[in-house]
């Protein structure tokens, strides 16, 4: 692990919807600023043709510095380390707009050293430019078998890391999966072909207190299909999913937010447990909330749901009333 971070940085940002925007398309970059996505990543990799990448770097710098990205996590996806574009992507974007950038996304991560290399490059740029060292985070995208096998080491490679992302399209190709529909179940397999992959990423992310993000669903007009695939990841505990079209943003924000009923219940559990464990509540380790027994484990589970609701800006519709003596 590198020693780039001079002070702790809050890495847990809302990422229910992570909107991909081609870095070479000014019209899309302009429109993205007005969409209710939690995160926007300006793409220099697959969404940019080779001949457009150099110009896109400067376009991205201009939009990061002059655009209104209020309320959004601002990310740039650079090209992967096997290409000749990566270092110049990072240098141009971070030197030009580092003060208005939250994270660099590194695709096709295969081992921890690729994260270490990016961390070191970011540190040198920050020191050179006089930026706060360690503030800019890293998002690691797992897109092939080698990356998944090494995901534990990758997740612990740098204090800059914020997310581990599943990249389904390249991953499906890397393992010869029998399907051409990204994110959908391959024909002939009776179970969930992605369950192991998603759980493997989730365990590595949670071990290192990182967020886990599901990748894109390419049938952009099939919103119900998107909801189904997103719901699978959300049920496991993933924090969000990529969106490729404005029509998917609302679905992602809804799927990765708790229901109003669950959010209210989580807040009631927290209030009730705090009261029952207090002097006034009798210093009880467990107690009843209606017909439900709650204890420390209940509190931990409620914290997760309440945290997601608060991050989504939800407002509770019920209040805890301490029982009369």
C-alpha atoms as a PDB file:
ATOM      1  CA  UNK A   1       0.000   0.000   0.000  1.00  0.00           C
ATOM      2  CA  UNK A   2       1.276   3.428  -0.862  1.00  0.00           C
ATOM      3  CA  UNK A   3       1.461   6.297   1.619  1.00  0.00           C
ATOM      4  CA  UNK A   4      -0.116   9.013  -0.481  1.00  0.00           C
ATOM      5  CA  UNK A   5      -2.893  10.182   1.783  1.00  0.00           C
ATOM      6  CA  UNK A   6      -1.906  12.823   4.321  1.00  0.00           C
ATOM      7  CA  UNK A   7      -5.296  12.880   6.055  1.00  0.00           C
ATOM      8  CA  UNK A   8      -8.449  10.742   6.139  1.00  0.00           C
ATOM      9  CA  UNK A   9     -10.873  11.434   3.285  1.00  0.00           C
ATOM     10  CA  UNK A  10     -14.573  10.540   3.289  1.00  0.00           C
ATOM     11  CA  UNK A  11     -14.842   8.017   0.461  1.00  0.00           C
ATOM     12  CA  UNK A  12     -18.490   6.998   0.899  1.00  0.00           C
ATOM     13  CA  UNK A  13     -20.315   9.182  -1.605  1.00  0.00           C
ATOM     14  CA  UNK A  14     -23.827   8.514  -2.981  1.00  0.00           C
ATOM     15  CA  UNK A  15     -23.493   6.394  -6.123  1.00  0.00           C
ATOM     16  CA  UNK A  16     -26.922   4.934  -6.798  1.00  0.00           C
ATOM     17  CA  UNK A  17     -26.722   6.063 -10.420  1.00  0.00           C
ATOM     18  CA  UNK A  18     -23.345   6.406 -12.171  1.00  0.00           C
ATOM     19  CA  UNK A  19     -23.886   8.108 -15.523  1.00  0.00           C
ATOM     20  CA  UNK A  20     -21.445   7.396 -18.357  1.00  0.00           C
ATOM     21  CA  UNK A  21     -20.801  10.378 -20.648  1.00  0.00           C
ATOM     22  CA  UNK A  22     -18.501  10.323 -23.719  1.00  0.00           C
ATOM     23  CA  UNK A  23     -15.705  12.802 -23.087  1.00  0.00           C
ATOM     24  CA  UNK A  24     -15.620  13.730 -26.772  1.00  0.00           C
ATOM     25  CA  UNK A  25     -19.279  14.806 -26.963  1.00  0.00           C
ATOM     26  CA  UNK A  26     -19.885  18.390 -25.738  1.00  0.00           C
ATOM     27  CA  UNK A  27     -23.649  18.092 -26.177  1.00  0.00           C
ATOM     28  CA  UNK A  28     -23.836  15.071 -23.885  1.00  0.00           C
ATOM     29  CA  UNK A  29     -21.453  16.691 -21.400  1.00  0.00           C
ATOM     30  CA  UNK A  30     -23.727  19.710 -21.242  1.00  0.00           C
ATOM     31  CA  UNK A  31     -26.889  17.653 -20.815  1.00  0.00           C
ATOM     32  CA  UNK A  32     -25.396  15.434 -18.096  1.00  0.00           C
ATOM     33  CA  UNK A  33     -25.076  18.387 -15.736  1.00  0.00           C
ATOM     34  CA  UNK A  34     -28.864  18.675 -15.470  1.00  0.00           C
ATOM     35  CA  UNK A  35     -29.638  14.989 -14.888  1.00  0.00           C
ATOM     36  CA  UNK A  36     -30.329  13.681 -11.340  1.00  0.00           C
ATOM     37  CA  UNK A  37     -27.488  11.140 -11.365  1.00  0.00           C
ATOM     38  CA  UNK A  38     -25.473  10.757  -8.168  1.00  0.00           C
ATOM     39  CA  UNK A  39     -22.248  10.361 -10.128  1.00  0.00           C
ATOM     40  CA  UNK A  40     -21.156  11.345 -13.605  1.00  0.00           C
ATOM     41  CA  UNK A  41     -18.061   9.836 -15.180  1.00  0.00           C
ATOM     42  CA  UNK A  42     -16.603  11.497 -18.235  1.00  0.00           C
ATOM     43  CA  UNK A  43     -15.208   8.726 -20.386  1.00  0.00           C
ATOM     44  CA  UNK A  44     -11.902   8.658 -22.231  1.00  0.00           C
ATOM     45  CA  UNK A  45     -11.941   4.906 -22.770  1.00  0.00           C
ATOM     46  CA  UNK A  46     -14.519   2.892 -24.737  1.00  0.00           C
ATOM     47  CA  UNK A  47     -16.809   5.863 -25.459  1.00  0.00           C
ATOM     48  CA  UNK A  48     -13.987   7.720 -27.248  1.00  0.00           C
ATOM     49  CA  UNK A  49     -12.596   6.673 -30.615  1.00  0.00           C
ATOM     50  CA  UNK A  50      -8.778   6.503 -30.700  1.00  0.00           C
ATOM     51  CA  UNK A  51      -8.503   9.600 -32.883  1.00  0.00           C
ATOM     52  CA  UNK A  52     -10.768  11.556 -30.510  1.00  0.00           C
ATOM     53  CA  UNK A  53      -9.029  10.753 -27.215  1.00  0.00           C
ATOM     54  CA  UNK A  54      -6.464  13.558 -27.200  1.00  0.00           C
ATOM     55  CA  UNK A  55      -9.034  16.236 -27.926  1.00  0.00           C
ATOM     56  CA  UNK A  56     -11.459  14.707 -25.426  1.00  0.00           C
ATOM     57  CA  UNK A  57      -8.956  15.196 -22.598  1.00  0.00           C
ATOM     58  CA  UNK A  58      -9.055  18.943 -23.111  1.00  0.00           C
ATOM     59  CA  UNK A  59     -12.827  18.967 -23.583  1.00  0.00           C
ATOM     60  CA  UNK A  60     -13.230  17.189 -20.247  1.00  0.00           C
ATOM     61  CA  UNK A  61     -10.924  19.638 -18.483  1.00  0.00           C
ATOM     62  CA  UNK A  62     -12.955  22.532 -19.850  1.00  0.00           C
ATOM     63  CA  UNK A  63     -16.295  21.052 -18.769  1.00  0.00           C
ATOM     64  CA  UNK A  64     -15.031  20.100 -15.305  1.00  0.00           C
ATOM     65  CA  UNK A  65     -13.774  23.624 -14.716  1.00  0.00           C
ATOM     66  CA  UNK A  66     -16.663  25.561 -16.220  1.00  0.00           C
ATOM     67  CA  UNK A  67     -19.667  23.252 -15.818  1.00  0.00           C
ATOM     68  CA  UNK A  68     -22.140  23.092 -12.935  1.00  0.00           C
ATOM     69  CA  UNK A  69     -21.779  19.619 -11.404  1.00  0.00           C
ATOM     70  CA  UNK A  70     -23.426  20.552  -8.092  1.00  0.00           C
ATOM     71  CA  UNK A  71     -24.475  17.514  -6.085  1.00  0.00           C
ATOM     72  CA  UNK A  72     -22.642  15.051  -8.314  1.00  0.00           C
ATOM     73  CA  UNK A  73     -19.507  12.991  -7.800  1.00  0.00           C
ATOM     74  CA  UNK A  74     -17.198  13.963 -10.674  1.00  0.00           C
ATOM     75  CA  UNK A  75     -15.167  11.126 -12.169  1.00  0.00           C
ATOM     76  CA  UNK A  76     -13.051  10.634 -15.275  1.00  0.00           C
ATOM     77  CA  UNK A  77     -12.462   7.162 -16.703  1.00  0.00           C
ATOM     78  CA  UNK A  78      -9.006   6.991 -18.262  1.00  0.00           C
ATOM     79  CA  UNK A  79      -7.688   4.273 -20.529  1.00  0.00           C
ATOM     80  CA  UNK A  80      -6.207   1.137 -19.000  1.00  0.00           C
ATOM     81  CA  UNK A  81      -2.499   0.640 -18.338  1.00  0.00           C
ATOM     82  CA  UNK A  82      -1.993  -1.711 -21.315  1.00  0.00           C
ATOM     83  CA  UNK A  83      -2.518   1.258 -23.670  1.00  0.00           C
ATOM     84  CA  UNK A  84      -0.199   4.177 -24.431  1.00  0.00           C
ATOM     85  CA  UNK A  85      -2.859   6.741 -23.508  1.00  0.00           C
ATOM     86  CA  UNK A  86      -3.140   6.243 -19.762  1.00  0.00           C
ATOM     87  CA  UNK A  87      -0.398   8.440 -18.322  1.00  0.00           C
ATOM     88  CA  UNK A  88      -1.263  11.385 -20.558  1.00  0.00           C
ATOM     89  CA  UNK A  89      -4.969  10.981 -19.720  1.00  0.00           C
ATOM     90  CA  UNK A  90      -4.165  11.294 -16.019  1.00  0.00           C
ATOM     91  CA  UNK A  91      -1.617  14.107 -16.340  1.00  0.00           C
ATOM     92  CA  UNK A  92      -3.750  16.264 -18.634  1.00  0.00           C
ATOM     93  CA  UNK A  93      -7.000  15.848 -16.701  1.00  0.00           C
ATOM     94  CA  UNK A  94      -5.608  16.104 -13.165  1.00  0.00           C
ATOM     95  CA  UNK A  95      -3.212  18.972 -13.863  1.00  0.00           C
ATOM     96  CA  UNK A  96      -5.951  20.812 -15.756  1.00  0.00           C
ATOM     97  CA  UNK A  97      -8.960  20.162 -13.519  1.00  0.00           C
ATOM     98  CA  UNK A  98      -7.758  18.390 -10.376  1.00  0.00           C
ATOM     99  CA  UNK A  99      -9.477  20.877  -8.091  1.00  0.00           C
ATOM    100  CA  UNK A 100     -12.824  20.045  -9.726  1.00  0.00           C
ATOM    101  CA  UNK A 101     -12.376  16.271  -9.870  1.00  0.00           C
ATOM    102  CA  UNK A 102     -13.335  13.672  -7.261  1.00  0.00           C
ATOM    103  CA  UNK A 103     -12.023  10.394  -8.698  1.00  0.00           C
ATOM    104  CA  UNK A 104     -10.141   8.716 -11.503  1.00  0.00           C
ATOM    105  CA  UNK A 105     -11.673   5.465 -12.744  1.00  0.00           C
ATOM    106  CA  UNK A 106      -9.186   2.853 -13.943  1.00  0.00           C
ATOM    107  CA  UNK A 107     -10.646   0.191 -16.243  1.00  0.00           C
ATOM    108  CA  UNK A 108      -9.511  -3.403 -16.765  1.00  0.00           C
ATOM    109  CA  UNK A 109      -7.611  -3.597 -13.472  1.00  0.00           C
ATOM    110  CA  UNK A 110      -5.807  -6.921 -13.259  1.00  0.00           C
ATOM    111  CA  UNK A 111      -3.542  -6.621 -10.221  1.00  0.00           C
ATOM    112  CA  UNK A 112      -2.782  -4.397  -7.244  1.00  0.00           C
ATOM    113  CA  UNK A 113       0.323  -2.867  -8.846  1.00  0.00           C
ATOM    114  CA  UNK A 114      -1.811  -1.122 -11.447  1.00  0.00           C
ATOM    115  CA  UNK A 115      -3.611   0.701  -8.629  1.00  0.00           C
ATOM    116  CA  UNK A 116      -0.320   1.485  -6.895  1.00  0.00           C
ATOM    117  CA  UNK A 117       1.044   2.962 -10.138  1.00  0.00           C
ATOM    118  CA  UNK A 118      -1.980   5.233 -10.529  1.00  0.00           C
ATOM    119  CA  UNK A 119      -1.759   6.284  -6.881  1.00  0.00           C
ATOM    120  CA  UNK A 120       1.904   7.242  -7.290  1.00  0.00           C
ATOM    121  CA  UNK A 121       1.204   9.213 -10.463  1.00  0.00           C
ATOM    122  CA  UNK A 122      -1.652  11.083  -8.769  1.00  0.00           C
ATOM    123  CA  UNK A 123       0.559  11.869  -5.785  1.00  0.00           C
ATOM    124  CA  UNK A 124       3.298  13.324  -7.981  1.00  0.00           C
ATOM    125  CA  UNK A 125       0.815  15.493  -9.863  1.00  0.00           C
ATOM    126  CA  UNK A 126      -0.823  16.718  -6.650  1.00  0.00           C
ATOM    127  CA  UNK A 127       2.528  17.641  -5.126  1.00  0.00           C
ATOM    128  CA  UNK A 128       3.636  19.377  -8.314  1.00  0.00           C
ATOM    129  CA  UNK A 129       0.396  21.349  -8.632  1.00  0.00           C
ATOM    130  CA  UNK A 130       0.040  22.159  -4.951  1.00  0.00           C
ATOM    131  CA  UNK A 131      -3.165  20.151  -4.597  1.00  0.00           C
ATOM    132  CA  UNK A 132      -4.178  18.349  -1.405  1.00  0.00           C
ATOM    133  CA  UNK A 133      -2.346  15.020  -1.528  1.00  0.00           C
ATOM    134  CA  UNK A 134      -4.640  12.012  -1.460  1.00  0.00           C
ATOM    135  CA  UNK A 135      -7.943  13.823  -1.991  1.00  0.00           C
ATOM    136  CA  UNK A 136      -8.598  12.440  -5.466  1.00  0.00           C
ATOM    137  CA  UNK A 137     -10.003   8.925  -5.195  1.00  0.00           C
ATOM    138  CA  UNK A 138      -9.646   5.860  -7.408  1.00  0.00           C
ATOM    139  CA  UNK A 139     -12.365   3.605  -8.776  1.00  0.00           C
ATOM    140  CA  UNK A 140     -11.217   0.153  -9.913  1.00  0.00           C
ATOM    141  CA  UNK A 141     -13.091  -1.656 -12.654  1.00  0.00           C
ATOM    142  CA  UNK A 142     -12.881  -5.473 -12.732  1.00  0.00           C
ATOM    143  CA  UNK A 143     -13.356  -6.693 -16.286  1.00  0.00           C
ATOM    144  CA  UNK A 144     -11.655 -10.053 -16.659  1.00  0.00           C
ATOM    145  CA  UNK A 145     -10.882 -13.309 -14.876  1.00  0.00           C
ATOM    146  CA  UNK A 146      -7.445 -12.211 -13.672  1.00  0.00           C
ATOM    147  CA  UNK A 147      -8.871  -9.078 -12.104  1.00  0.00           C
ATOM    148  CA  UNK A 148     -11.507 -11.068 -10.250  1.00  0.00           C
ATOM    149  CA  UNK A 149      -8.958 -13.598  -8.967  1.00  0.00           C
ATOM    150  CA  UNK A 150      -6.853 -10.698  -7.636  1.00  0.00           C
ATOM    151  CA  UNK A 151      -9.736  -8.522  -6.428  1.00  0.00           C
ATOM    152  CA  UNK A 152      -8.849  -8.817  -2.715  1.00  0.00           C
ATOM    153  CA  UNK A 153      -5.347  -7.430  -3.267  1.00  0.00           C
ATOM    154  CA  UNK A 154      -6.704  -4.802  -5.644  1.00  0.00           C
ATOM    155  CA  UNK A 155      -9.238  -3.615  -3.064  1.00  0.00           C
ATOM    156  CA  UNK A 156      -6.490  -3.107  -0.482  1.00  0.00           C
ATOM    157  CA  UNK A 157      -3.914  -1.544  -2.779  1.00  0.00           C
ATOM    158  CA  UNK A 158      -4.429   2.143  -1.961  1.00  0.00           C
ATOM    159  CA  UNK A 159      -6.159   4.381   0.587  1.00  0.00           C
ATOM    160  CA  UNK A 160      -7.470   6.331  -2.408  1.00  0.00           C
ATOM    161  CA  UNK A 161      -9.752   3.487  -3.471  1.00  0.00           C
ATOM    162  CA  UNK A 162     -13.471   4.233  -3.223  1.00  0.00           C
ATOM    163  CA  UNK A 163     -15.219   1.639  -5.369  1.00  0.00           C
ATOM    164  CA  UNK A 164     -14.861  -1.736  -7.010  1.00  0.00           C
ATOM    165  CA  UNK A 165     -16.894  -1.883 -10.229  1.00  0.00           C
ATOM    166  CA  UNK A 166     -18.066  -4.908 -12.207  1.00  0.00           C
ATOM    167  CA  UNK A 167     -17.505  -4.483 -15.954  1.00  0.00           C
ATOM    168  CA  UNK A 168     -19.784  -7.162 -17.442  1.00  0.00           C
ATOM    169  CA  UNK A 169     -19.178  -6.820 -21.181  1.00  0.00           C
ATOM    170  CA  UNK A 170     -15.418  -7.359 -21.216  1.00  0.00           C
ATOM    171  CA  UNK A 171     -15.746  -9.883 -18.392  1.00  0.00           C
ATOM    172  CA  UNK A 172     -18.243 -11.992 -20.349  1.00  0.00           C
ATOM    173  CA  UNK A 173     -15.860 -12.002 -23.302  1.00  0.00           C
ATOM    174  CA  UNK A 174     -12.869 -12.857 -21.109  1.00  0.00           C
ATOM    175  CA  UNK A 175     -14.479 -16.054 -19.810  1.00  0.00           C
ATOM    176  CA  UNK A 176     -16.158 -17.002 -23.115  1.00  0.00           C
ATOM    177  CA  UNK A 177     -19.674 -16.647 -21.700  1.00  0.00           C
ATOM    178  CA  UNK A 178     -22.327 -17.761 -24.171  1.00  0.00           C
ATOM    179  CA  UNK A 179     -24.289 -14.540 -24.476  1.00  0.00           C
ATOM    180  CA  UNK A 180     -24.339 -11.328 -26.494  1.00  0.00           C
ATOM    181  CA  UNK A 181     -26.721  -9.438 -24.193  1.00  0.00           C
ATOM    182  CA  UNK A 182     -24.643  -7.662 -21.563  1.00  0.00           C
ATOM    183  CA  UNK A 183     -25.888  -8.285 -18.046  1.00  0.00           C
ATOM    184  CA  UNK A 184     -28.612 -10.762 -18.959  1.00  0.00           C
ATOM    185  CA  UNK A 185     -28.435 -14.444 -18.063  1.00  0.00           C
ATOM    186  CA  UNK A 186     -26.776 -16.641 -20.703  1.00  0.00           C
ATOM    187  CA  UNK A 187     -28.984 -19.290 -22.310  1.00  0.00           C
ATOM    188  CA  UNK A 188     -28.688 -22.829 -21.010  1.00  0.00           C
ATOM    189  CA  UNK A 189     -27.671 -22.045 -17.417  1.00  0.00           C
ATOM    190  CA  UNK A 190     -30.495 -22.566 -14.898  1.00  0.00           C
ATOM    191  CA  UNK A 191     -29.102 -20.375 -12.108  1.00  0.00           C
ATOM    192  CA  UNK A 192     -27.659 -16.852 -11.798  1.00  0.00           C
ATOM    193  CA  UNK A 193     -24.454 -16.863 -13.845  1.00  0.00           C
ATOM    194  CA  UNK A 194     -23.287 -13.607 -12.213  1.00  0.00           C
ATOM    195  CA  UNK A 195     -23.884 -14.473  -8.573  1.00  0.00           C
ATOM    196  CA  UNK A 196     -20.327 -15.595  -7.808  1.00  0.00           C
ATOM    197  CA  UNK A 197     -18.804 -12.639  -9.634  1.00  0.00           C
ATOM    198  CA  UNK A 198     -20.969 -10.078  -7.866  1.00  0.00           C
ATOM    199  CA  UNK A 199     -20.487 -11.652  -4.442  1.00  0.00           C
ATOM    200  CA  UNK A 200     -16.730 -11.915  -4.965  1.00  0.00           C
ATOM    201  CA  UNK A 201     -16.543  -8.198  -5.764  1.00  0.00           C
ATOM    202  CA  UNK A 202     -18.876  -7.326  -2.897  1.00  0.00           C
ATOM    203  CA  UNK A 203     -16.834  -9.262  -0.322  1.00  0.00           C
ATOM    204  CA  UNK A 204     -13.587  -7.628  -1.435  1.00  0.00           C
ATOM    205  CA  UNK A 205     -15.195  -4.181  -1.363  1.00  0.00           C
ATOM    206  CA  UNK A 206     -16.733  -4.588   2.083  1.00  0.00           C
ATOM    207  CA  UNK A 207     -13.542  -6.066   3.520  1.00  0.00           C
ATOM    208  CA  UNK A 208     -11.849  -2.756   2.750  1.00  0.00           C
ATOM    209  CA  UNK A 209     -14.858  -0.479   3.423  1.00  0.00           C
ATOM    210  CA  UNK A 210     -15.328   0.305  -0.263  1.00  0.00           C
ATOM    211  CA  UNK A 211     -18.481   0.683  -2.316  1.00  0.00           C
ATOM    212  CA  UNK A 212     -19.498  -1.979  -4.832  1.00  0.00           C
ATOM    213  CA  UNK A 213     -20.957  -0.801  -8.141  1.00  0.00           C
ATOM    214  CA  UNK A 214     -22.619  -2.887 -10.853  1.00  0.00           C
ATOM    215  CA  UNK A 215     -21.800  -2.151 -14.471  1.00  0.00           C
ATOM    216  CA  UNK A 216     -23.972  -1.204 -17.455  1.00  0.00           C
ATOM    217  CA  UNK A 217     -27.074  -2.697 -19.023  1.00  0.00           C
ATOM    218  CA  UNK A 218     -26.786  -2.031 -22.736  1.00  0.00           C
ATOM    219  CA  UNK A 219     -30.435  -2.377 -23.789  1.00  0.00           C
ATOM    220  CA  UNK A 220     -31.038   1.258 -22.954  1.00  0.00           C
ATOM    221  CA  UNK A 221     -34.703   1.332 -23.999  1.00  0.00           C
ATOM    222  CA  UNK A 222     -35.559  -1.730 -21.889  1.00  0.00           C
ATOM    223  CA  UNK A 223     -36.036   0.015 -18.549  1.00  0.00           C
ATOM    224  CA  UNK A 224     -37.819  -2.961 -16.988  1.00  0.00           C
ATOM    225  CA  UNK A 225     -34.898  -5.172 -17.926  1.00  0.00           C
ATOM    226  CA  UNK A 226     -32.598  -2.617 -16.327  1.00  0.00           C
ATOM    227  CA  UNK A 227     -34.680  -2.653 -13.149  1.00  0.00           C
ATOM    228  CA  UNK A 228     -34.504  -6.438 -13.004  1.00  0.00           C
ATOM    229  CA  UNK A 229     -30.722  -6.563 -13.337  1.00  0.00           C
ATOM    230  CA  UNK A 230     -30.232  -3.624 -10.981  1.00  0.00           C
ATOM    231  CA  UNK A 231     -32.542  -5.239  -8.449  1.00  0.00           C
ATOM    232  CA  UNK A 232     -30.342  -8.332  -8.390  1.00  0.00           C
ATOM    233  CA  UNK A 233     -27.279  -6.278  -7.456  1.00  0.00           C
ATOM    234  CA  UNK A 234     -29.194  -4.126  -4.971  1.00  0.00           C
ATOM    235  CA  UNK A 235     -30.581  -7.204  -3.225  1.00  0.00           C
ATOM    236  CA  UNK A 236     -27.044  -8.464  -2.622  1.00  0.00           C
ATOM    237  CA  UNK A 237     -25.971  -5.131  -1.138  1.00  0.00           C
ATOM    238  CA  UNK A 238     -24.402  -3.247  -4.056  1.00  0.00           C
ATOM    239  CA  UNK A 239     -24.440   0.540  -3.725  1.00  0.00           C
ATOM    240  CA  UNK A 240     -25.331   1.501  -7.279  1.00  0.00           C
ATOM    241  CA  UNK A 241     -25.157   0.778 -10.985  1.00  0.00           C
ATOM    242  CA  UNK A 242     -24.020   2.438 -14.169  1.00  0.00           C
ATOM    243  CA  UNK A 243     -26.543   4.242 -16.357  1.00  0.00           C
ATOM    244  CA  UNK A 244     -25.948   4.771 -20.067  1.00  0.00           C
ATOM    245  CA  UNK A 245     -29.090   6.740 -20.868  1.00  0.00           C
ATOM    246  CA  UNK A 246     -31.121   9.401 -19.061  1.00  0.00           C
ATOM    247  CA  UNK A 247     -34.055   6.978 -18.978  1.00  0.00           C
ATOM    248  CA  UNK A 248     -32.137   4.658 -16.652  1.00  0.00           C
ATOM    249  CA  UNK A 249     -31.270   7.304 -14.034  1.00  0.00           C
ATOM    250  CA  UNK A 250     -34.619   7.348 -12.239  1.00  0.00           C
ATOM    251  CA  UNK A 251     -34.719   3.546 -12.168  1.00  0.00           C
ATOM    252  CA  UNK A 252     -31.259   3.327 -10.605  1.00  0.00           C
ATOM    253  CA  UNK A 253     -32.024   5.949  -7.967  1.00  0.00           C
ATOM    254  CA  UNK A 254     -35.211   4.110  -7.033  1.00  0.00           C
ATOM    255  CA  UNK A 255     -33.788   0.586  -6.990  1.00  0.00           C
ATOM    256  CA  UNK A 256     -30.773   1.510  -4.861  1.00  0.00           C
ATOM    257  CA  UNK A 257     -32.779   3.558  -2.361  1.00  0.00           C
ATOM    258  CA  UNK A 258     -34.764   1.919   0.449  1.00  0.00           C
ATOM    259  CA  UNK A 259     -38.537   2.020   0.327  1.00  0.00           C
ATOM    260  CA  UNK A 260     -40.186   4.675   2.477  1.00  0.00           C
ATOM    261  CA  UNK A 261     -41.512   1.934   4.764  1.00  0.00           C
ATOM    262  CA  UNK A 262     -38.069   0.368   5.242  1.00  0.00           C
ATOM    263  CA  UNK A 263     -36.427   3.743   5.796  1.00  0.00           C
ATOM    264  CA  UNK A 264     -38.980   4.769   8.428  1.00  0.00           C
ATOM    265  CA  UNK A 265     -38.626   1.413  10.165  1.00  0.00           C
ATOM    266  CA  UNK A 266     -34.829   1.660  10.222  1.00  0.00           C
ATOM    267  CA  UNK A 267     -34.958   5.103  11.804  1.00  0.00           C
ATOM    268  CA  UNK A 268     -37.463   3.860  14.405  1.00  0.00           C
ATOM    269  CA  UNK A 269     -35.160   0.950  15.286  1.00  0.00           C
ATOM    270  CA  UNK A 270     -32.248   3.343  15.810  1.00  0.00           C
ATOM    271  CA  UNK A 271     -34.293   5.680  17.999  1.00  0.00           C
ATOM    272  CA  UNK A 272     -35.851   2.847  19.980  1.00  0.00           C
ATOM    273  CA  UNK A 273     -32.569   1.078  20.580  1.00  0.00           C
ATOM    274  CA  UNK A 274     -30.878   4.313  21.660  1.00  0.00           C
ATOM    275  CA  UNK A 275     -33.688   4.959  24.178  1.00  0.00           C
ATOM    276  CA  UNK A 276     -33.876   1.425  25.583  1.00  0.00           C
ATOM    277  CA  UNK A 277     -30.111   1.253  26.133  1.00  0.00           C
ATOM    278  CA  UNK A 278     -30.083   4.619  27.896  1.00  0.00           C
ATOM    279  CA  UNK A 279     -30.504   5.301  31.601  1.00  0.00           C
ATOM    280  CA  UNK A 280     -34.075   6.494  31.019  1.00  0.00           C
ATOM    281  CA  UNK A 281     -34.904   3.374  29.033  1.00  0.00           C
ATOM    282  CA  UNK A 282     -33.580   0.963  31.630  1.00  0.00           C
ATOM    283  CA  UNK A 283     -30.168   0.205  30.085  1.00  0.00           C
ATOM    284  CA  UNK A 284     -31.560  -2.818  28.228  1.00  0.00           C
ATOM    285  CA  UNK A 285     -29.475  -4.736  25.714  1.00  0.00           C
ATOM    286  CA  UNK A 286     -32.594  -5.883  23.883  1.00  0.00           C
ATOM    287  CA  UNK A 287     -36.166  -4.618  23.818  1.00  0.00           C
ATOM    288  CA  UNK A 288     -39.427  -4.790  21.900  1.00  0.00           C
ATOM    289  CA  UNK A 289     -40.428  -2.426  19.115  1.00  0.00           C
ATOM    290  CA  UNK A 290     -44.027  -3.359  18.509  1.00  0.00           C
ATOM    291  CA  UNK A 291     -43.967  -7.117  17.886  1.00  0.00           C
ATOM    292  CA  UNK A 292     -40.270  -7.130  16.995  1.00  0.00           C
ATOM    293  CA  UNK A 293     -37.332  -7.748  19.306  1.00  0.00           C
ATOM    294  CA  UNK A 294     -34.406  -5.424  18.599  1.00  0.00           C
ATOM    295  CA  UNK A 295     -30.810  -5.581  19.798  1.00  0.00           C
ATOM    296  CA  UNK A 296     -27.308  -4.514  18.725  1.00  0.00           C
ATOM    297  CA  UNK A 297     -27.495  -6.603  15.546  1.00  0.00           C
ATOM    298  CA  UNK A 298     -30.778  -4.889  14.677  1.00  0.00           C
ATOM    299  CA  UNK A 299     -29.092  -1.522  15.164  1.00  0.00           C
ATOM    300  CA  UNK A 300     -26.288  -2.417  12.739  1.00  0.00           C
ATOM    301  CA  UNK A 301     -28.745  -3.551  10.077  1.00  0.00           C
ATOM    302  CA  UNK A 302     -30.863  -0.438  10.583  1.00  0.00           C
ATOM    303  CA  UNK A 303     -27.803   1.792  10.220  1.00  0.00           C
ATOM    304  CA  UNK A 304     -27.252   0.461   6.696  1.00  0.00           C
ATOM    305  CA  UNK A 305     -30.814   1.159   5.550  1.00  0.00           C
ATOM    306  CA  UNK A 306     -31.010   4.510   7.343  1.00  0.00           C
ATOM    307  CA  UNK A 307     -27.680   5.536   5.834  1.00  0.00           C
ATOM    308  CA  UNK A 308     -28.877   4.765   2.318  1.00  0.00           C
ATOM    309  CA  UNK A 309     -32.089   6.699   2.942  1.00  0.00           C
ATOM    310  CA  UNK A 310     -30.290   9.716   4.319  1.00  0.00           C
ATOM    311  CA  UNK A 311     -27.839   9.710   1.415  1.00  0.00           C
ATOM    312  CA  UNK A 312     -30.815   9.644  -0.957  1.00  0.00           C
ATOM    313  CA  UNK A 313     -32.286  12.683   0.796  1.00  0.00           C
ATOM    314  CA  UNK A 314     -35.310  10.812   2.134  1.00  0.00           C
ATOM    315  CA  UNK A 315     -37.482  12.305   4.885  1.00  0.00           C
ATOM    316  CA  UNK A 316     -38.933  10.098   7.590  1.00  0.00           C
ATOM    317  CA  UNK A 317     -42.689  10.037   8.066  1.00  0.00           C
ATOM    318  CA  UNK A 318     -42.844   8.563  11.583  1.00  0.00           C
ATOM    319  CA  UNK A 319     -41.324   9.351  14.981  1.00  0.00           C
ATOM    320  CA  UNK A 320     -40.406   7.198  17.955  1.00  0.00           C
ATOM    321  CA  UNK A 321     -42.489   7.580  21.073  1.00  0.00           C
ATOM    322  CA  UNK A 322     -40.878   6.340  24.279  1.00  0.00           C
ATOM    323  CA  UNK A 323     -43.266   3.977  26.127  1.00  0.00           C
ATOM    324  CA  UNK A 324     -44.854   5.374  29.241  1.00  0.00           C
ATOM    325  CA  UNK A 325     -43.522   4.088  32.540  1.00  0.00           C
END
